[in-house]
Amino acid sequence: MTNNEDLELLDLIAPDFIKTLEKRFKILQSISLMEPVGRRVLADDLDVTERSLRTETDLLRNQGLILSSKSGMSLTEKGSHVARQLGKVLAGYQGTALIEKKLSQKLGIARCIVLPGNADKQHGVIDSFGRRLNQLLGSILPEGKSIVSVTGGTTMARVAQNLSSNLSKNRKLLFLPARGGLGESVMIQANSVCAEMALKTHGQYRALYLPEDISAESFESLQKESSIKSVLDLIYKSNVVIHSIGTASIMADRRNLSPEEKMNVLDSNAVSEAFGDFFDQRGQLVYKVPRIGLHVRDLDKIKYVIAIAGGQKKADAIKSYMNNAPTHTVLITDEGASELILRDNPLK
């Protein structure tokens, strides 16, 4: 692991540790710039109370990092070295954190996790999505039972291969397809992704064998079938949804749309697709595939919503879909997509 990856892992497992590290580094940095400096002046500069600052500076003094004299505090040689080294370590981490913050603000969602690389050119990036998802789930899933609904697709199929059995420690995981669909290649169907996730995590799964391109009449009647209804009831009780974001033109082919329907999608300038819904650049719904299972509107009621998409080719699709994503969504993406999204009308 690189230093940044180490810090990201520590932040995931022990966020208070990173906050403490950054706080103490800031104290050392300020002393370095202002030495010799008194506690009151330093407290004002850092916008903290003298009492809380005293606790921190006493610790740093005991570690041999700062000296106190009548004229104020200053860094020891050891303290100066530590401050320089910490500055190098935190620079990359804080840079990534800043990008993630800007991206989440631009997209209007709770959190973005940006991983190195470009999934369009580096296939291993998607494997890193899976490993990061594994870490994220390990930190947010409660002990006991969790119901996880997932969509299909090439990204999700690859992500599934990178989950691990440690997720099932003190947990009982049930994976479900977020939607019914047999139109796609078997290996990337939601049912197959569920099965792979269950296998890798030592969890369980239930399948939903349904065609995606069904009539409205069939849609209504199939939902009442007991075997289907039992799975649907579980899907709507999910506490986690993991989904990908598709490019409209590619997904129009995978959804087995008729030539006329494909033309309608393309003529409507569709950019993104998720859960059978096609959206234009502004996030307006332009076409909907009749389907059984979760809809985008259902995500508001689900506690954890994780979207996974990367590569420069997905940048427009991500921006388009996020106009409809619930605000508590967490996006796992890469530098390729994030840099392009932020370059286009970046945040001021």
Protein backbone atom coordinates (compact mmCIF):
# COMPACT_ATOMS: atom_id res chain seq x y z
CA MET A 1 0.00 0.00 0.00
CA THR A 2 1.05 3.59 -0.57
CA ASN A 3 1.05 6.09 2.30
CA ASN A 4 -2.21 7.56 1.00
CA GLU A 5 -3.88 4.15 0.87
CA ASP A 6 -2.69 3.43 4.41
CA LEU A 7 -4.20 6.70 5.62
CA GLU A 8 -7.46 6.07 3.73
CA LEU A 9 -7.71 2.67 5.41
CA LEU A 10 -7.02 4.20 8.82
CA ASP A 11 -9.63 6.89 8.13
CA LEU A 12 -12.17 4.20 7.29
CA ILE A 13 -11.51 2.16 10.43
CA ALA A 14 -10.60 4.94 12.86
CA PRO A 15 -11.63 8.37 11.53
CA ASP A 16 -10.86 9.96 14.92
CA PHE A 17 -7.22 8.92 14.54
CA ILE A 18 -6.83 10.89 11.29
CA LYS A 19 -8.58 13.91 12.82
CA THR A 20 -6.22 13.80 15.80
CA LEU A 21 -3.21 13.42 13.52
CA GLU A 22 -4.27 16.42 11.41
CA LYS A 23 -5.01 18.51 14.53
CA ARG A 24 -1.58 17.87 16.06
CA PHE A 25 0.17 18.43 12.75
CA LYS A 26 -1.60 21.79 12.47
CA ILE A 27 -0.32 22.74 15.93
CA LEU A 28 3.25 21.84 15.00
CA GLN A 29 2.91 23.68 11.70
CA SER A 30 1.59 26.84 13.38
CA ILE A 31 4.33 26.81 16.01
CA SER A 32 6.90 26.41 13.23
CA LEU A 33 5.53 29.50 11.46
CA MET A 34 5.11 31.64 14.58
CA GLU A 35 7.82 30.50 17.02
CA PRO A 36 8.35 31.52 19.68
CA VAL A 37 4.63 31.79 20.31
CA GLY A 38 2.55 31.97 23.47
CA ARG A 39 -0.39 29.67 24.15
CA ARG A 40 -3.01 32.43 23.96
CA VAL A 41 -1.81 33.71 20.58
CA LEU A 42 -1.55 30.16 19.24
CA ALA A 43 -5.05 29.29 20.51
CA ASP A 44 -6.45 32.35 18.72
CA ASP A 45 -4.64 31.41 15.53
CA LEU A 46 -5.98 27.84 15.65
CA ASP A 47 -9.44 28.95 16.85
CA VAL A 48 -9.40 26.60 19.85
CA THR A 49 -9.64 27.11 23.59
CA GLU A 50 -6.45 27.52 25.63
CA ARG A 51 -7.53 24.60 27.78
CA SER A 52 -7.83 22.17 24.87
CA LEU A 53 -4.60 23.47 23.36
CA ARG A 54 -2.76 22.93 26.66
CA THR A 55 -3.70 19.25 26.61
CA GLU A 56 -2.26 18.84 23.12
CA THR A 57 0.90 20.88 23.68
CA ASP A 58 1.64 19.04 26.95
CA LEU A 59 1.52 15.77 25.03
CA LEU A 60 3.75 17.13 22.24
CA ARG A 61 6.20 18.47 24.85
CA ASN A 62 6.35 15.08 26.57
CA GLN A 63 7.14 13.54 23.19
CA GLY A 64 10.08 15.87 22.82
CA LEU A 65 8.59 17.77 19.88
CA ILE A 66 8.23 21.25 21.39
CA LEU A 67 10.04 23.41 23.94
CA SER A 68 8.55 26.06 26.21
CA SER A 69 10.33 29.17 27.40
CA LYS A 70 9.39 32.58 28.78
CA SER A 71 9.08 33.89 25.23
CA GLY A 72 6.78 31.05 24.11
CA MET A 73 6.76 27.66 22.43
CA SER A 74 9.07 26.52 19.65
CA LEU A 75 9.84 23.26 17.89
CA THR A 76 12.76 21.03 18.82
CA GLU A 77 14.93 19.62 16.06
CA LYS A 78 12.94 16.42 16.35
CA GLY A 79 9.68 18.40 16.18
CA SER A 80 10.80 20.18 13.01
CA HIS A 81 11.67 16.85 11.38
CA VAL A 82 8.31 15.32 12.37
CA ALA A 83 6.43 18.37 11.04
CA ARG A 84 8.23 18.17 7.68
CA GLN A 85 7.64 14.44 7.29
CA LEU A 86 3.98 14.66 8.35
CA GLY A 87 3.49 17.45 5.84
CA LYS A 88 4.65 15.16 3.03
CA VAL A 89 2.52 12.24 4.21
CA LEU A 90 -0.65 14.28 4.64
CA ALA A 91 -0.28 16.33 1.46
CA GLY A 92 -1.38 13.55 -0.89
CA TYR A 93 -4.07 12.33 1.49
CA GLN A 94 -5.50 15.79 2.02
CA GLY A 95 -5.36 16.42 -1.73
CA THR A 96 -7.47 13.33 -2.35
CA ALA A 97 -9.79 14.30 0.49
CA LEU A 98 -10.24 17.75 -1.08
CA ILE A 99 -11.08 16.24 -4.48
CA GLU A 100 -13.58 13.90 -2.82
CA LYS A 101 -15.18 16.80 -0.97
CA LYS A 102 -15.43 18.95 -4.11
CA LEU A 103 -16.87 16.06 -6.10
CA SER A 104 -19.51 15.23 -3.50
CA GLN A 105 -20.51 18.91 -3.35
CA LYS A 106 -20.73 19.17 -7.13
CA LEU A 107 -22.82 16.02 -7.42
CA GLY A 108 -24.96 16.84 -4.39
CA ILE A 109 -24.37 13.56 -2.54
CA ALA A 110 -23.08 12.58 0.88
CA ARG A 111 -19.69 11.18 -0.02
CA CYS A 112 -17.36 10.34 -2.89
CA ILE A 113 -14.47 7.90 -2.70
CA VAL A 114 -11.94 8.57 -5.46
CA LEU A 115 -9.41 5.84 -6.26
CA PRO A 116 -6.28 6.22 -8.41
CA GLY A 117 -6.36 5.50 -12.14
CA ASN A 118 -8.76 5.41 -15.07
CA ALA A 119 -11.00 2.36 -15.43
CA ASP A 120 -11.18 2.91 -19.20
CA LYS A 121 -7.48 2.11 -19.58
CA GLN A 122 -6.55 0.25 -16.40
CA HIS A 123 -8.73 -2.78 -15.77
CA GLY A 124 -7.30 -3.26 -12.28
CA VAL A 125 -9.09 -0.07 -11.18
CA ILE A 126 -12.39 -1.93 -11.05
CA ASP A 127 -10.79 -4.55 -8.81
CA SER A 128 -9.80 -1.69 -6.51
CA PHE A 129 -13.45 -0.59 -6.50
CA GLY A 130 -14.35 -4.03 -5.18
CA ARG A 131 -11.71 -3.99 -2.47
CA ARG A 132 -12.76 -0.49 -1.39
CA LEU A 133 -16.39 -1.57 -1.36
CA ASN A 134 -15.40 -4.48 0.86
CA GLN A 135 -13.77 -2.05 3.31
CA LEU A 136 -16.73 0.32 3.20
CA LEU A 137 -19.27 -2.43 3.85
CA GLY A 138 -17.12 -3.73 6.69
CA SER A 139 -17.31 -0.33 8.36
CA ILE A 140 -21.02 0.44 7.88
CA LEU A 141 -22.84 -2.89 8.08
CA PRO A 142 -24.26 -3.66 11.52
CA GLU A 143 -23.82 -7.01 13.21
CA GLY A 144 -26.57 -9.50 12.51
CA LYS A 145 -28.72 -9.63 9.40
CA SER A 146 -28.33 -7.34 6.42
CA ILE A 147 -30.18 -7.47 3.12
CA VAL A 148 -28.09 -6.22 0.21
CA SER A 149 -29.70 -5.59 -3.19
CA VAL A 150 -27.38 -5.29 -6.18
CA THR A 151 -27.71 -4.54 -9.87
CA GLY A 152 -25.96 -6.33 -12.72
CA GLY A 153 -23.47 -5.14 -15.32
CA THR A 154 -19.82 -5.62 -16.19
CA THR A 155 -18.57 -3.33 -13.42
CA MET A 156 -20.64 -5.05 -10.76
CA ALA A 157 -19.60 -8.51 -11.95
CA ARG A 158 -15.93 -7.57 -11.54
CA VAL A 159 -16.52 -5.82 -8.23
CA ALA A 160 -18.23 -8.93 -6.83
CA GLN A 161 -15.07 -10.98 -7.33
CA ASN A 162 -13.19 -8.77 -4.90
CA LEU A 163 -15.40 -9.13 -1.83
CA SER A 164 -14.17 -11.34 1.00
CA SER A 165 -15.46 -13.65 3.71
CA ASN A 166 -14.50 -11.25 6.50
CA LEU A 167 -17.74 -9.37 5.77
CA SER A 168 -19.71 -12.26 7.24
CA LYS A 169 -17.96 -12.11 10.61
CA ASN A 170 -20.78 -11.60 13.13
CA ARG A 171 -23.11 -10.93 10.20
CA LYS A 172 -25.71 -12.83 8.21
CA LEU A 173 -25.73 -11.42 4.69
CA LEU A 174 -28.45 -11.97 2.13
CA PHE A 175 -27.82 -10.75 -1.43
CA LEU A 176 -30.73 -10.04 -3.76
CA PRO A 177 -31.04 -8.77 -7.34
CA ALA A 178 -32.30 -5.19 -7.25
CA ARG A 179 -34.31 -5.92 -10.39
CA GLY A 180 -35.38 -8.87 -12.48
CA GLY A 181 -33.63 -9.25 -15.79
CA LEU A 182 -32.65 -12.04 -18.15
CA GLY A 183 -31.88 -9.94 -21.19
CA GLU A 184 -28.20 -9.50 -20.39
CA SER A 185 -25.35 -11.97 -20.73
CA VAL A 186 -25.63 -14.54 -17.94
CA MET A 187 -22.35 -13.57 -16.23
CA ILE A 188 -23.37 -9.95 -15.75
CA GLN A 189 -26.98 -10.46 -14.73
CA ALA A 190 -27.93 -9.25 -11.26
CA ASN A 191 -28.69 -12.84 -10.26
CA SER A 192 -25.14 -13.90 -11.14
CA VAL A 193 -23.64 -10.92 -9.31
CA CYS A 194 -25.65 -11.84 -6.21
CA ALA A 195 -24.48 -15.44 -6.39
CA GLU A 196 -20.83 -14.35 -6.70
CA MET A 197 -21.10 -11.90 -3.80
CA ALA A 198 -22.69 -14.57 -1.63
CA LEU A 199 -19.96 -17.04 -2.58
CA LYS A 200 -17.12 -14.61 -1.83
CA THR A 201 -18.57 -13.44 1.49
CA HIS A 202 -19.99 -16.78 2.68
CA GLY A 203 -23.44 -15.22 2.59
CA GLN A 204 -26.71 -16.30 1.02
CA TYR A 205 -28.65 -15.15 -2.04
CA ARG A 206 -32.04 -15.36 -3.68
CA ALA A 207 -32.62 -15.11 -7.42
CA LEU A 208 -35.36 -13.34 -9.36
CA TYR A 209 -35.81 -14.94 -12.77
CA LEU A 210 -37.74 -12.42 -14.83
CA PRO A 211 -37.40 -10.83 -18.25
CA GLU A 212 -36.85 -7.09 -18.24
CA ASP A 213 -38.79 -6.24 -21.36
CA ILE A 214 -42.31 -7.15 -20.22
CA SER A 215 -45.66 -5.55 -20.92
CA ALA A 216 -47.50 -3.46 -18.37
CA GLU A 217 -50.14 -6.18 -18.06
CA SER A 218 -47.55 -8.87 -17.37
CA PHE A 219 -45.78 -6.54 -14.97
CA GLU A 220 -48.89 -6.26 -12.77
CA SER A 221 -49.72 -9.95 -12.77
CA LEU A 222 -46.16 -11.21 -12.18
CA GLN A 223 -45.77 -9.09 -9.07
CA LYS A 224 -48.59 -11.10 -7.48
CA GLU A 225 -46.95 -14.50 -8.06
CA SER A 226 -46.02 -15.91 -4.64
CA SER A 227 -42.47 -16.96 -5.60
CA ILE A 228 -41.78 -13.51 -7.02
CA LYS A 229 -43.61 -11.60 -4.31
CA SER A 230 -41.56 -13.26 -1.55
CA VAL A 231 -38.31 -12.04 -3.12
CA LEU A 232 -39.75 -8.58 -3.85
CA ASP A 233 -40.83 -8.21 -0.23
CA LEU A 234 -37.23 -8.87 0.83
CA ILE A 235 -35.84 -6.48 -1.78
CA TYR A 236 -37.97 -3.64 -0.44
CA LYS A 237 -36.62 -4.38 3.06
CA SER A 238 -33.00 -3.95 1.93
CA ASN A 239 -30.77 -1.84 4.15
CA VAL A 240 -28.09 -1.64 1.43
CA VAL A 241 -28.26 -1.11 -2.33
CA ILE A 242 -25.16 -1.36 -4.51
CA HIS A 243 -25.56 -0.29 -8.12
CA SER A 244 -23.64 0.78 -11.18
CA ILE A 245 -24.36 3.66 -13.55
CA GLY A 246 -24.60 2.88 -17.24
CA THR A 247 -23.96 4.86 -20.41
CA ALA A 248 -27.31 5.22 -22.19
CA SER A 249 -26.21 4.10 -25.67
CA ILE A 250 -24.60 0.92 -24.34
CA MET A 251 -27.47 0.11 -21.99
CA ALA A 252 -30.03 0.57 -24.77
CA ASP A 253 -28.46 -2.48 -26.42
CA ARG A 254 -28.25 -4.51 -23.21
CA ARG A 255 -31.87 -3.85 -22.34
CA ASN A 256 -32.94 -5.55 -25.57
CA LEU A 257 -34.87 -2.51 -26.70
CA SER A 258 -36.54 -2.59 -30.09
CA PRO A 259 -34.98 -0.50 -32.88
CA GLU A 260 -37.79 2.03 -32.44
CA GLU A 261 -37.24 2.23 -28.68
CA LYS A 262 -33.48 2.62 -29.15
CA MET A 263 -34.11 5.44 -31.59
CA ASN A 264 -36.39 7.13 -29.06
CA VAL A 265 -33.72 6.86 -26.37
CA LEU A 266 -31.00 8.28 -28.59
CA ASP A 267 -33.24 10.99 -30.08
CA SER A 268 -34.05 12.08 -26.52
CA ASN A 269 -30.33 12.64 -25.93
CA ALA A 270 -30.21 10.10 -23.11
CA VAL A 271 -26.87 10.07 -21.34
CA SER A 272 -27.19 7.73 -18.36
CA GLU A 273 -29.11 4.67 -17.22
CA ALA A 274 -29.81 3.15 -13.81
CA PHE A 275 -32.52 0.75 -12.66
CA GLY A 276 -34.01 0.72 -16.17
CA ASP A 277 -34.43 4.51 -16.23
CA PHE A 278 -32.73 6.59 -18.94
CA PHE A 279 -31.83 10.21 -18.16
CA ASP A 280 -30.64 13.10 -20.30
CA GLN A 281 -27.76 15.42 -19.44
CA ARG A 282 -29.91 17.46 -17.05
CA GLY A 283 -31.13 14.33 -15.31
CA GLN A 284 -34.59 14.41 -16.86
CA LEU A 285 -36.21 10.98 -17.31
CA VAL A 286 -36.54 10.33 -21.06
CA TYR A 287 -37.36 6.62 -21.16
CA LYS A 288 -38.30 3.88 -18.69
CA VAL A 289 -37.99 0.11 -19.16
CA PRO A 290 -40.98 -1.67 -17.56
CA ARG A 291 -39.44 -3.82 -14.85
CA ILE A 292 -39.97 -5.55 -11.53
CA GLY A 293 -37.84 -4.57 -8.57
CA LEU A 294 -36.34 -1.37 -7.22
CA HIS A 295 -36.85 2.00 -8.88
CA VAL A 296 -34.65 5.05 -8.40
CA ARG A 297 -37.42 6.61 -6.32
CA ASP A 298 -37.22 3.67 -3.86
CA LEU A 299 -33.63 4.47 -2.92
CA ASP A 300 -34.65 7.33 -0.62
CA LYS A 301 -36.02 4.77 1.83
CA ILE A 302 -32.89 2.60 1.91
CA LYS A 303 -30.27 3.39 4.56
CA TYR A 304 -27.11 2.78 2.55
CA VAL A 305 -26.93 3.48 -1.18
CA ILE A 306 -23.60 2.87 -2.90
CA ALA A 307 -23.05 3.74 -6.57
CA ILE A 308 -19.99 2.42 -8.42
CA ALA A 309 -18.80 3.83 -11.75
CA GLY A 310 -15.46 4.96 -13.14
CA GLY A 311 -13.49 5.90 -16.22
CA GLN A 312 -13.62 9.07 -18.29
CA LYS A 313 -16.31 7.55 -20.53
CA LYS A 314 -18.65 7.38 -17.53
CA ALA A 315 -18.16 11.01 -16.42
CA ASP A 316 -21.22 12.38 -18.25
CA ALA A 317 -23.36 9.44 -17.15
CA ILE A 318 -22.37 9.96 -13.52
CA LYS A 319 -23.24 13.67 -13.67
CA SER A 320 -26.53 12.93 -15.39
CA TYR A 321 -27.69 10.24 -12.97
CA MET A 322 -26.63 12.08 -9.83
CA ASN A 323 -29.34 14.66 -10.47
CA ASN A 324 -31.71 11.90 -9.36
CA ALA A 325 -29.62 10.10 -6.75
CA PRO A 326 -30.68 10.30 -3.09
CA THR A 327 -28.50 12.73 -1.17
CA HIS A 328 -27.15 10.00 1.12
CA THR A 329 -25.55 8.18 -1.84
CA VAL A 330 -21.88 7.19 -1.60
CA LEU A 331 -20.08 7.10 -4.96
CA ILE A 332 -17.00 4.95 -5.53
CA THR A 333 -15.20 6.24 -8.62
CA ASP A 334 -11.73 6.94 -10.00
CA GLU A 335 -9.50 9.85 -10.94
CA GLY A 336 -10.38 9.45 -14.62
CA ALA A 337 -14.06 10.24 -14.04
CA SER A 338 -13.65 12.69 -11.16
CA GLU A 339 -11.11 14.91 -12.91
CA LEU A 340 -13.35 15.20 -15.97
CA ILE A 341 -16.44 15.96 -13.87
CA LEU A 342 -14.64 18.66 -11.89
CA ARG A 343 -12.96 20.12 -14.97
CA ASP A 344 -16.37 20.80 -16.48
CA ASN A 345 -17.60 23.88 -14.60
CA PRO A 346 -15.48 23.18 -11.49
CA LEU A 347 -16.54 24.43 -8.10
CA LYS A 348 -15.42 27.94 -7.30
